[in-house]
C-alpha atoms as a PDB file:
ATOM      1  CA  MET A   1       6.817  -9.415 -11.997  1.00  0.00           C
ATOM      2  CA  VAL A   2       8.635  -8.667  -8.546  1.00  0.00           C
ATOM      3  CA  SER A   3      11.718 -10.397  -7.979  1.00  0.00           C
ATOM      4  CA  THR A   4      12.633 -12.643  -5.908  1.00  0.00           C
ATOM      5  CA  THR A   5      15.190 -10.602  -4.183  1.00  0.00           C
ATOM      6  CA  ALA A   6      12.587  -8.480  -3.440  1.00  0.00           C
ATOM      7  CA  VAL A   7      10.315 -11.030  -1.961  1.00  0.00           C
ATOM      8  CA  LYS A   8      13.120 -11.783   0.330  1.00  0.00           C
ATOM      9  CA  ARG A   9      13.278  -8.245   1.433  1.00  0.00           C
ATOM     10  CA  ALA A  10      10.077  -7.332   2.005  1.00  0.00           C
ATOM     11  CA  LEU A  11       9.715 -11.127   3.762  1.00  0.00           C
ATOM     12  CA  ALA A  12      12.274 -10.406   5.895  1.00  0.00           C
ATOM     13  CA  ALA A  13      11.525  -6.758   7.263  1.00  0.00           C
ATOM     14  CA  LEU A  14       8.086  -8.075   7.987  1.00  0.00           C
ATOM     15  CA  ALA A  15       9.929 -10.780  10.086  1.00  0.00           C
ATOM     16  CA  THR A  16      12.210  -8.764  12.189  1.00  0.00           C
ATOM     17  CA  ARG A  17       9.526  -5.448  12.129  1.00  0.00           C
ATOM     18  CA  THR A  18       9.412  -4.151  16.089  1.00  0.00           C
ATOM     19  CA  ASP A  19       6.916  -1.477  15.152  1.00  0.00           C
ATOM     20  CA  THR A  20       3.748  -2.936  16.600  1.00  0.00           C
ATOM     21  CA  ALA A  21       2.352   0.379  17.296  1.00  0.00           C
ATOM     22  CA  THR A  22       0.980   1.583  14.207  1.00  0.00           C
ATOM     23  CA  CYS A  23      -2.554   0.310  13.611  1.00  0.00           C
ATOM     24  CA  PRO A  24      -2.808  -2.169  10.555  1.00  0.00           C
ATOM     25  CA  ALA A  25      -4.903  -0.378   8.128  1.00  0.00           C
ATOM     26  CA  VAL A  26      -2.485   2.898   8.627  1.00  0.00           C
ATOM     27  CA  ALA A  27       0.465   0.368   7.916  1.00  0.00           C
ATOM     28  CA  VAL A  28      -1.085  -0.338   4.750  1.00  0.00           C
ATOM     29  CA  ILE A  29      -1.942   3.036   3.832  1.00  0.00           C
ATOM     30  CA  ASP A  30       1.781   3.670   4.566  1.00  0.00           C
ATOM     31  CA  GLU A  31       2.786   0.864   2.000  1.00  0.00           C
ATOM     32  CA  ALA A  32       0.555   1.985  -0.306  1.00  0.00           C
ATOM     33  CA  ASP A  33       2.106   5.630   0.099  1.00  0.00           C
ATOM     34  CA  ALA A  34       5.650   4.751  -0.087  1.00  0.00           C
ATOM     35  CA  ALA A  35       5.475   2.568  -3.174  1.00  0.00           C
ATOM     36  CA  ARG A  36       3.806   5.120  -5.301  1.00  0.00           C
ATOM     37  CA  THR A  37       7.429   6.460  -5.607  1.00  0.00           C
ATOM     38  CA  ASP A  38       8.937   3.822  -7.211  1.00  0.00           C
ATOM     39  CA  LEU A  39       7.540   1.658 -10.053  1.00  0.00           C
ATOM     40  CA  ARG A  40       8.603  -1.694  -9.496  1.00  0.00           C
ATOM     41  CA  ARG A  41       7.814  -1.039  -5.858  1.00  0.00           C
ATOM     42  CA  ALA A  42       4.158   0.412  -7.246  1.00  0.00           C
ATOM     43  CA  ALA A  43       4.182  -3.159  -9.704  1.00  0.00           C
ATOM     44  CA  GLY A  44       4.624  -5.112  -6.534  1.00  0.00           C
ATOM     45  CA  PHE A  45       1.980  -3.479  -4.199  1.00  0.00           C
ATOM     46  CA  VAL A  46      -0.674  -3.939  -7.400  1.00  0.00           C
ATOM     47  CA  ASP A  47       0.792  -7.749  -7.977  1.00  0.00           C
ATOM     48  CA  ALA A  48       0.401  -8.952  -3.800  1.00  0.00           C
ATOM     49  CA  GLY A  49      -3.770  -7.782  -3.848  1.00  0.00           C
ATOM     50  CA  GLY A  50      -2.522  -4.497  -2.341  1.00  0.00           C
ATOM     51  CA  LEU A  51      -4.914  -2.439  -3.650  1.00  0.00           C
ATOM     52  CA  GLY A  52      -8.166  -4.706  -2.070  1.00  0.00           C
ATOM     53  CA  ARG A  53      -6.007  -4.324   0.765  1.00  0.00           C
ATOM     54  CA  LEU A  54      -5.783  -0.433   0.632  1.00  0.00           C
ATOM     55  CA  SER A  55      -9.786  -0.221   0.018  1.00  0.00           C
ATOM     56  CA  ASP A  56     -10.084  -2.723   3.082  1.00  0.00           C
ATOM     57  CA  ALA A  57      -7.691  -0.142   5.190  1.00  0.00           C
ATOM     58  CA  ILE A  58      -9.405   3.212   3.701  1.00  0.00           C
ATOM     59  CA  ALA A  59     -12.344   1.447   5.359  1.00  0.00           C
ATOM     60  CA  ALA A  60     -10.757   0.970   8.800  1.00  0.00           C
ATOM     61  CA  ALA A  61      -9.505   4.232   8.788  1.00  0.00           C
ATOM     62  CA  GLU A  62     -12.980   5.954   8.327  1.00  0.00           C
ATOM     63  CA  ARG A  63     -14.237   3.472  10.994  1.00  0.00           C
ATOM     64  CA  ASP A  64     -11.557   4.524  13.467  1.00  0.00           C
ATOM     65  CA  GLY A  65     -12.116   8.188  12.641  1.00  0.00           C
ATOM     66  CA  ASP A  66      -8.523   8.437  11.118  1.00  0.00           C
ATOM     67  CA  ASP A  67      -9.792  10.992   8.541  1.00  0.00           C
ATOM     68  CA  ALA A  68      -6.042  11.990   7.873  1.00  0.00           C
ATOM     69  CA  ALA A  69      -5.374   8.400   7.011  1.00  0.00           C
ATOM     70  CA  ALA A  70      -8.237   7.586   5.256  1.00  0.00           C
ATOM     71  CA  GLU A  71      -7.807  10.930   2.904  1.00  0.00           C
ATOM     72  CA  ARG A  72      -4.218   9.993   2.044  1.00  0.00           C
ATOM     73  CA  GLY A  73      -5.579   6.118   1.595  1.00  0.00           C
ATOM     74  CA  ARG A  74      -8.228   7.728  -1.174  1.00  0.00           C
ATOM     75  CA  GLU A  75      -5.221   9.809  -2.897  1.00  0.00           C
ATOM     76  CA  ALA A  76      -2.985   6.778  -2.916  1.00  0.00           C
ATOM     77  CA  LEU A  77      -5.716   4.760  -4.685  1.00  0.00           C
ATOM     78  CA  ASP A  78      -6.515   7.380  -6.867  1.00  0.00           C
ATOM     79  CA  ALA A  79      -2.956   7.898  -8.064  1.00  0.00           C
ATOM     80  CA  TYR A  80      -2.796   3.504  -8.431  1.00  0.00           C
ATOM     81  CA  ARG A  81      -6.407   3.935 -10.924  1.00  0.00           C
ATOM     82  CA  ARG A  82      -4.492   6.883 -12.865  1.00  0.00           C
ATOM     83  CA  PHE A  83      -1.712   4.927 -13.408  1.00  0.00           C
ATOM     84  CA  ARG A  84      -3.420   1.773 -14.617  1.00  0.00           C
ATOM     85  CA  ALA A  85      -5.414   4.280 -16.783  1.00  0.00           C
ATOM     86  CA  ALA A  86      -2.329   5.460 -18.280  1.00  0.00           C
ATOM     87  CA  ALA A  87      -0.547   2.056 -18.707  1.00  0.00           C
ATOM     88  CA  ALA A  88      -4.202   0.741 -20.802  1.00  0.00           C
ATOM     89  CA  GLY A  89      -3.542   3.921 -23.319  1.00  0.00           C
END
């Protein structure tokens, strides 16, 4: 479960975000990739519907011809699937 503090911090970061040059699909892929390094953050990403958003972002990156971002997204999605399989036993 994601803490209230973590949610508030994420919302504050979104409210003050000035980086609008990043493509939304790439931003989701960046978020998914970065969240893999921290168990709580990864769980929060998954709990917030992140895997569906990640799949959509991969498809958008592929449509946009951003092969590097799409590959990073696929690697992240594969990692989340491995995490799930490991957690399931």
